[in-house]
N, C-alpha and C. Protein backbone atom coordinates (compact mmCIF):
# COMPACT_ATOMS: atom_id res chain seq x y z
N MET A 1 124.41 82.07 48.65
CA MET A 1 123.01 81.67 48.62
C MET A 1 122.14 82.73 49.12
N PHE A 2 122.45 83.34 50.22
CA PHE A 2 121.66 84.38 50.86
C PHE A 2 121.60 85.68 50.07
N LYS A 3 122.57 85.87 49.18
CA LYS A 3 122.52 87.09 48.37
C LYS A 3 121.34 87.13 47.44
N SER A 4 120.83 85.91 46.98
CA SER A 4 119.72 85.86 46.10
C SER A 4 118.43 85.87 46.89
N PHE A 5 118.37 85.86 48.18
CA PHE A 5 117.19 85.84 48.99
C PHE A 5 116.77 87.26 49.19
N ASN A 6 115.61 87.71 48.59
CA ASN A 6 115.17 89.08 48.75
C ASN A 6 113.80 89.11 49.46
N TRP A 7 113.20 90.31 49.50
CA TRP A 7 111.98 90.47 50.26
C TRP A 7 110.84 89.65 49.66
N GLY A 8 110.84 89.47 48.36
CA GLY A 8 109.83 88.65 47.73
C GLY A 8 109.84 87.21 48.18
N HIS A 9 111.04 86.67 48.38
CA HIS A 9 111.14 85.32 48.91
C HIS A 9 110.65 85.28 50.38
N GLY A 10 110.93 86.31 51.11
CA GLY A 10 110.49 86.41 52.50
C GLY A 10 108.96 86.36 52.59
N ILE A 11 108.31 87.14 51.71
CA ILE A 11 106.85 87.18 51.79
C ILE A 11 106.35 85.80 51.33
N PHE A 12 106.91 85.16 50.35
CA PHE A 12 106.49 83.80 49.98
C PHE A 12 106.59 82.85 51.12
N VAL A 13 107.68 82.86 51.79
CA VAL A 13 107.95 81.94 52.98
C VAL A 13 106.89 82.29 54.03
N PHE A 14 106.63 83.53 54.30
CA PHE A 14 105.62 83.90 55.31
C PHE A 14 104.27 83.38 54.97
N TYR A 15 103.85 83.44 53.72
CA TYR A 15 102.51 83.04 53.32
C TYR A 15 102.43 81.47 53.39
N ILE A 16 103.52 80.81 53.07
CA ILE A 16 103.56 79.30 53.24
C ILE A 16 103.42 78.96 54.68
N VAL A 17 104.14 79.54 55.53
CA VAL A 17 104.08 79.24 56.98
C VAL A 17 102.65 79.59 57.49
N PHE A 18 102.09 80.71 57.10
CA PHE A 18 100.77 81.08 57.53
C PHE A 18 99.74 80.10 57.07
N VAL A 19 99.71 79.66 55.81
CA VAL A 19 98.75 78.80 55.34
C VAL A 19 98.92 77.44 55.99
N GLY A 20 100.15 77.00 56.25
CA GLY A 20 100.39 75.81 57.01
C GLY A 20 99.80 75.83 58.44
N ALA A 21 99.92 76.98 59.08
CA ALA A 21 99.39 77.10 60.47
C ALA A 21 97.88 77.08 60.39
N VAL A 22 97.23 77.76 59.40
CA VAL A 22 95.76 77.74 59.34
C VAL A 22 95.29 76.34 59.03
N VAL A 23 95.88 75.63 58.09
CA VAL A 23 95.43 74.25 57.83
C VAL A 23 95.64 73.37 59.05
N THR A 24 96.72 73.47 59.77
CA THR A 24 96.94 72.69 60.97
C THR A 24 95.88 72.97 62.01
N THR A 25 95.52 74.25 62.19
CA THR A 25 94.50 74.61 63.15
C THR A 25 93.15 74.11 62.75
N LEU A 26 92.82 74.17 61.49
CA LEU A 26 91.51 73.62 60.97
C LEU A 26 91.46 72.11 61.22
N ILE A 27 92.48 71.37 60.86
CA ILE A 27 92.49 69.86 61.09
C ILE A 27 92.36 69.58 62.58
N ALA A 28 93.07 70.36 63.48
CA ALA A 28 92.96 70.13 64.92
C ALA A 28 91.57 70.43 65.43
N SER A 29 90.91 71.48 64.91
CA SER A 29 89.55 71.86 65.42
C SER A 29 88.52 70.86 64.98
N PHE A 30 88.68 70.22 63.84
CA PHE A 30 87.70 69.16 63.41
C PHE A 30 87.87 67.87 64.20
N SER A 31 88.91 67.68 64.84
CA SER A 31 89.13 66.47 65.59
C SER A 31 88.59 66.54 67.01
N VAL A 32 88.14 67.77 67.46
CA VAL A 32 87.64 67.93 68.82
C VAL A 32 86.11 67.59 68.81
N ASP A 33 85.68 66.86 69.86
CA ASP A 33 84.27 66.50 69.98
C ASP A 33 83.53 67.78 70.52
N ARG A 34 82.55 68.27 69.65
CA ARG A 34 81.90 69.54 70.01
C ARG A 34 80.50 69.25 70.60
N SER A 35 80.15 68.04 70.88
CA SER A 35 78.74 67.74 71.34
C SER A 35 78.48 68.33 72.66
N LEU A 36 77.29 68.56 72.94
CA LEU A 36 76.85 69.08 74.27
C LEU A 36 77.10 67.94 75.33
N VAL A 37 77.22 68.34 76.58
CA VAL A 37 77.51 67.41 77.64
C VAL A 37 76.36 66.41 77.79
N ILE A 38 75.13 66.93 77.71
CA ILE A 38 73.96 66.05 77.79
C ILE A 38 73.15 66.28 76.50
N ASP A 39 72.42 65.33 76.08
CA ASP A 39 71.75 65.37 74.80
C ASP A 39 70.56 66.38 74.85
N ASP A 40 69.79 66.35 75.90
CA ASP A 40 68.61 67.16 75.96
C ASP A 40 68.85 68.42 76.90
N TYR A 41 69.86 69.04 76.69
CA TYR A 41 70.28 70.23 77.52
C TYR A 41 69.22 71.33 77.59
N TYR A 42 68.67 71.68 76.51
CA TYR A 42 67.69 72.72 76.46
C TYR A 42 66.43 72.38 77.16
N ALA A 43 65.92 71.16 77.03
CA ALA A 43 64.72 70.67 77.63
C ALA A 43 64.94 70.65 79.16
N GLN A 44 66.12 70.19 79.59
CA GLN A 44 66.37 70.17 81.00
C GLN A 44 66.46 71.55 81.61
N ASP A 45 67.04 72.49 80.83
CA ASP A 45 67.12 73.87 81.31
C ASP A 45 65.75 74.48 81.48
N ILE A 46 64.91 74.21 80.64
CA ILE A 46 63.43 74.79 80.71
C ILE A 46 62.79 74.16 81.94
N ALA A 47 63.01 72.94 82.23
CA ALA A 47 62.31 72.24 83.34
C ALA A 47 63.11 72.33 84.62
N TYR A 48 64.02 73.25 84.74
CA TYR A 48 64.88 73.36 85.97
C TYR A 48 64.09 73.74 87.22
N GLN A 49 62.94 74.35 87.10
CA GLN A 49 62.21 74.82 88.24
C GLN A 49 61.78 73.61 89.09
N SER A 50 61.44 72.48 88.46
CA SER A 50 61.00 71.32 89.25
C SER A 50 62.27 70.71 90.02
N THR A 51 63.42 70.82 89.37
CA THR A 51 64.62 70.32 90.03
C THR A 51 64.98 71.24 91.20
N TYR A 52 64.74 72.55 91.06
CA TYR A 52 65.01 73.45 92.12
C TYR A 52 64.02 73.22 93.29
N ASP A 53 62.79 72.94 93.01
CA ASP A 53 61.83 72.70 94.07
C ASP A 53 62.21 71.38 94.84
N LYS A 54 62.71 70.33 94.11
CA LYS A 54 63.20 69.17 94.78
C LYS A 54 64.39 69.39 95.63
N LEU A 55 65.29 70.26 95.13
CA LEU A 55 66.48 70.61 95.92
C LEU A 55 66.10 71.37 97.20
N GLN A 56 65.13 72.25 97.12
CA GLN A 56 64.66 72.99 98.35
C GLN A 56 64.07 71.99 99.33
N ASN A 57 63.25 71.04 98.82
CA ASN A 57 62.66 70.02 99.72
C ASN A 57 63.77 69.31 100.49
N ASN A 58 64.86 68.96 99.83
CA ASN A 58 66.00 68.26 100.45
C ASN A 58 66.68 69.15 101.47
N LEU A 59 66.86 70.42 101.07
CA LEU A 59 67.56 71.36 102.00
C LEU A 59 66.76 71.61 103.32
N ASN A 60 65.44 71.62 103.14
CA ASN A 60 64.57 71.85 104.30
C ASN A 60 64.53 70.61 105.24
N ALA A 61 64.59 69.41 104.58
CA ALA A 61 64.47 68.20 105.35
C ALA A 61 65.75 67.59 105.83
N GLY A 62 66.81 67.76 104.99
CA GLY A 62 68.15 67.16 105.28
C GLY A 62 68.10 65.67 105.50
N LYS A 63 67.51 65.03 104.48
CA LYS A 63 67.28 63.59 104.65
C LYS A 63 68.29 62.69 104.01
N ILE A 64 69.44 63.11 103.59
CA ILE A 64 70.39 62.27 102.85
C ILE A 64 71.80 62.48 103.30
N GLU A 65 72.55 61.41 103.29
CA GLU A 65 74.06 61.51 103.54
C GLU A 65 74.75 60.69 102.45
N ILE A 66 75.88 61.22 101.98
CA ILE A 66 76.72 60.50 100.96
C ILE A 66 78.12 60.36 101.55
N ASN A 67 78.57 59.13 101.61
CA ASN A 67 79.90 58.82 102.12
C ASN A 67 80.67 58.14 101.04
N VAL A 68 81.97 58.54 100.84
CA VAL A 68 82.86 57.94 99.89
C VAL A 68 84.07 57.40 100.72
N ASP A 69 84.06 56.04 100.85
CA ASP A 69 85.13 55.39 101.63
C ASP A 69 85.49 54.06 101.06
N ASN A 70 86.73 53.63 101.15
CA ASN A 70 87.25 52.30 100.92
C ASN A 70 86.63 51.64 99.60
N GLY A 71 86.65 52.38 98.53
CA GLY A 71 86.14 51.77 97.28
C GLY A 71 84.67 51.66 97.13
N PHE A 72 83.92 52.41 97.99
CA PHE A 72 82.45 52.37 97.91
C PHE A 72 81.87 53.73 98.05
N VAL A 73 80.77 54.01 97.36
CA VAL A 73 79.96 55.21 97.63
C VAL A 73 78.72 54.74 98.31
N GLU A 74 78.43 55.31 99.46
CA GLU A 74 77.24 54.89 100.23
C GLU A 74 76.23 56.09 100.24
N ILE A 75 75.02 55.82 99.75
CA ILE A 75 73.97 56.87 99.75
C ILE A 75 72.98 56.38 100.85
N LYS A 76 72.80 57.17 101.89
CA LYS A 76 72.00 56.83 103.01
C LYS A 76 70.89 57.83 103.22
N ILE A 77 69.63 57.42 103.01
CA ILE A 77 68.47 58.29 103.19
C ILE A 77 67.99 58.05 104.65
N LEU A 78 67.97 59.12 105.42
CA LEU A 78 67.90 59.07 106.86
C LEU A 78 66.50 58.65 107.42
N SER A 79 65.38 58.86 106.72
CA SER A 79 64.14 58.53 107.29
C SER A 79 63.67 57.32 106.64
N PRO A 80 63.24 56.37 107.56
CA PRO A 80 62.72 55.08 107.01
C PRO A 80 61.31 55.23 106.38
N ALA A 81 61.21 54.98 105.12
CA ALA A 81 59.89 55.07 104.46
C ALA A 81 60.12 54.38 103.06
N ASN A 82 59.00 54.33 102.39
CA ASN A 82 59.05 53.79 101.03
C ASN A 82 59.76 54.69 100.07
N ILE A 83 60.82 54.26 99.50
CA ILE A 83 61.74 55.08 98.75
C ILE A 83 61.85 54.55 97.29
N THR A 84 61.73 55.42 96.31
CA THR A 84 62.03 55.06 94.90
C THR A 84 62.81 56.21 94.31
N GLY A 85 63.73 55.93 93.49
CA GLY A 85 64.55 57.04 92.86
C GLY A 85 65.69 56.50 92.07
N ASN A 86 66.57 57.41 91.71
CA ASN A 86 67.72 57.08 90.86
C ASN A 86 68.95 57.77 91.42
N ALA A 87 70.10 57.20 91.21
CA ALA A 87 71.42 57.83 91.48
C ALA A 87 72.12 57.89 90.12
N TYR A 88 72.41 59.06 89.73
CA TYR A 88 73.04 59.30 88.37
C TYR A 88 74.52 59.77 88.60
N PHE A 89 75.44 58.98 88.09
CA PHE A 89 76.85 59.30 88.15
C PHE A 89 77.23 59.97 86.83
N TYR A 90 77.71 61.21 86.96
CA TYR A 90 77.92 62.08 85.81
C TYR A 90 79.45 62.41 85.78
N ARG A 91 80.06 62.13 84.64
CA ARG A 91 81.50 62.41 84.44
C ARG A 91 81.60 63.46 83.37
N ALA A 92 81.95 64.69 83.67
CA ALA A 92 82.01 65.73 82.72
C ALA A 92 83.04 65.58 81.60
N SER A 93 84.12 64.89 81.91
CA SER A 93 85.17 64.70 80.90
C SER A 93 84.86 63.65 79.83
N ASP A 94 83.93 62.71 80.11
CA ASP A 94 83.63 61.61 79.19
C ASP A 94 82.20 61.23 79.37
N LYS A 95 81.35 61.61 78.43
CA LYS A 95 79.90 61.39 78.43
C LYS A 95 79.57 59.87 78.46
N SER A 96 80.46 59.10 77.82
CA SER A 96 80.18 57.64 77.71
C SER A 96 80.33 56.87 79.02
N LYS A 97 80.96 57.54 80.06
CA LYS A 97 81.18 56.85 81.33
C LYS A 97 80.03 57.17 82.26
N ASP A 98 79.01 57.99 81.90
CA ASP A 98 77.89 58.23 82.83
C ASP A 98 77.03 56.94 82.92
N PHE A 99 76.40 56.83 84.09
CA PHE A 99 75.49 55.68 84.41
C PHE A 99 74.49 56.02 85.43
N ASN A 100 73.42 55.28 85.43
CA ASN A 100 72.23 55.48 86.29
C ASN A 100 71.98 54.24 87.09
N LEU A 101 71.71 54.37 88.42
CA LEU A 101 71.35 53.25 89.27
C LEU A 101 70.04 53.51 89.96
N PRO A 102 69.17 52.51 90.15
CA PRO A 102 67.94 52.71 90.86
C PRO A 102 68.23 52.64 92.36
N ILE A 103 67.43 53.49 93.15
CA ILE A 103 67.51 53.44 94.60
C ILE A 103 66.17 52.92 95.10
N ASN A 104 66.18 51.81 95.88
CA ASN A 104 64.92 51.28 96.39
C ASN A 104 64.92 51.12 97.91
N SER A 105 66.01 51.39 98.56
CA SER A 105 66.10 51.24 99.98
C SER A 105 66.77 52.40 100.64
N THR A 106 66.76 52.53 101.96
CA THR A 106 67.37 53.64 102.64
C THR A 106 68.84 53.70 102.53
N THR A 107 69.51 52.56 102.32
CA THR A 107 71.00 52.60 102.15
C THR A 107 71.33 51.84 100.82
N THR A 108 72.04 52.57 99.99
CA THR A 108 72.49 51.99 98.74
C THR A 108 74.01 52.11 98.74
N THR A 109 74.68 51.00 98.45
CA THR A 109 76.18 50.97 98.36
C THR A 109 76.57 50.66 96.96
N ILE A 110 77.46 51.45 96.41
CA ILE A 110 77.92 51.33 95.08
C ILE A 110 79.40 51.12 95.05
N PRO A 111 79.98 50.03 94.53
CA PRO A 111 81.39 49.81 94.47
C PRO A 111 81.99 50.73 93.38
N THR A 112 83.15 51.29 93.70
CA THR A 112 83.83 52.22 92.75
C THR A 112 85.10 51.68 92.14
N THR A 113 85.28 50.32 92.24
CA THR A 113 86.50 49.74 91.82
C THR A 113 86.56 49.78 90.23
N ASP A 114 85.40 49.76 89.53
CA ASP A 114 85.44 49.79 88.07
C ASP A 114 85.27 51.20 87.47
N LEU A 115 85.17 52.15 88.34
CA LEU A 115 85.03 53.57 87.89
C LEU A 115 86.38 54.23 87.73
N LEU A 116 86.52 55.17 86.84
CA LEU A 116 87.71 55.94 86.74
C LEU A 116 87.87 56.81 87.89
N SER A 117 89.14 57.00 88.32
CA SER A 117 89.40 57.93 89.41
C SER A 117 89.30 59.40 88.88
N GLY A 118 88.94 60.24 89.81
CA GLY A 118 88.79 61.66 89.44
C GLY A 118 87.51 62.29 89.89
N LYS A 119 87.08 63.31 89.27
CA LYS A 119 85.89 64.09 89.64
C LYS A 119 84.63 63.45 89.00
N TRP A 120 83.63 63.24 89.84
CA TRP A 120 82.32 62.74 89.42
C TRP A 120 81.31 63.66 90.08
N THR A 121 80.17 63.83 89.41
CA THR A 121 79.01 64.55 90.06
C THR A 121 77.96 63.48 90.31
N LEU A 122 77.55 63.35 91.55
CA LEU A 122 76.50 62.39 91.85
C LEU A 122 75.22 63.07 92.02
N LYS A 123 74.23 62.78 91.24
CA LYS A 123 72.86 63.42 91.30
C LYS A 123 71.89 62.36 91.76
N VAL A 124 71.32 62.60 92.94
CA VAL A 124 70.39 61.69 93.52
C VAL A 124 68.96 62.27 93.50
N ASP A 125 68.02 61.61 92.86
CA ASP A 125 66.67 62.10 92.67
C ASP A 125 65.78 61.00 93.25
N TRP A 126 65.03 61.27 94.34
CA TRP A 126 64.16 60.23 94.92
C TRP A 126 62.85 60.80 95.37
N GLN A 127 61.89 59.89 95.53
CA GLN A 127 60.59 60.27 96.03
C GLN A 127 60.30 59.41 97.29
N GLN A 128 59.64 60.11 98.18
CA GLN A 128 59.38 59.44 99.53
C GLN A 128 58.11 60.06 100.13
N GLU A 129 57.17 59.20 100.38
CA GLU A 129 55.89 59.68 100.91
C GLU A 129 55.17 60.78 100.09
N GLY A 130 55.19 60.59 98.79
CA GLY A 130 54.53 61.54 97.90
C GLY A 130 55.32 62.81 97.64
N LYS A 131 56.55 63.02 98.17
CA LYS A 131 57.30 64.19 98.01
C LYS A 131 58.60 63.92 97.29
N SER A 132 59.04 64.79 96.41
CA SER A 132 60.23 64.58 95.63
C SER A 132 61.45 65.30 96.22
N TYR A 133 62.57 64.69 96.15
CA TYR A 133 63.80 65.29 96.71
C TYR A 133 64.96 65.16 95.67
N TYR A 134 65.95 66.05 95.80
CA TYR A 134 67.13 66.03 94.81
C TYR A 134 68.33 66.48 95.57
N LEU A 135 69.47 65.83 95.27
CA LEU A 135 70.78 66.29 95.79
C LEU A 135 71.74 66.10 94.71
N GLU A 136 72.61 67.13 94.56
CA GLU A 136 73.73 67.01 93.62
C GLU A 136 75.03 67.30 94.35
N GLU A 137 75.89 66.30 94.37
CA GLU A 137 77.19 66.51 95.06
C GLU A 137 78.33 66.04 94.25
N ILE A 138 79.46 66.82 94.36
CA ILE A 138 80.65 66.41 93.67
C ILE A 138 81.50 65.54 94.56
N ILE A 139 81.92 64.39 93.92
CA ILE A 139 82.74 63.45 94.69
C ILE A 139 83.94 63.14 93.91
N TYR A 140 85.06 62.85 94.65
CA TYR A 140 86.30 62.48 94.06
C TYR A 140 86.65 61.02 94.36
N LEU A 141 86.89 60.30 93.37
CA LEU A 141 87.31 58.84 93.61
C LEU A 141 88.78 58.67 93.39
C-alpha cells in the first residue's frame, strides 16, 4: 500500500490538514465574545479627567475604608455628613455579573453570598458636602 503513496499524495494530505486547521480556527474564533468590557468605553475614556479629580480628592482626604470579611463587603465613609453615591461591582470575566448599589449612609454593608468567588473591582463614587470622591479597589471574594 505504501509503494503507491508518492509526493503528490503527501501534498494532498498536507492541504487537507491545513484547510481543516484553518476552518477549525475560524469556527473557534467566531464563538468568542469580542464585545468591549463596558458599552461606552470611549465616552468614559474622554471623561476620565473628572474621575481623576475625584480620585485625587479622596487621596487627599482619605475618607473611606473597605473591609471584606465573613461574607460581607463593608464600605465605611469616615466623616459623618450627608452622603450620596454609588458602589459599582465590576467583574472583568463576565459583564453580565456587574451591578450597582446606591450609598446613602456612612456605612454600607453588602452580603457576598450570592456573588461569584474570585476577583472583583469595587468602584465607589460618592458626593459629600458639595465635593465628589472616587475610589477603585480590587477585592477577592
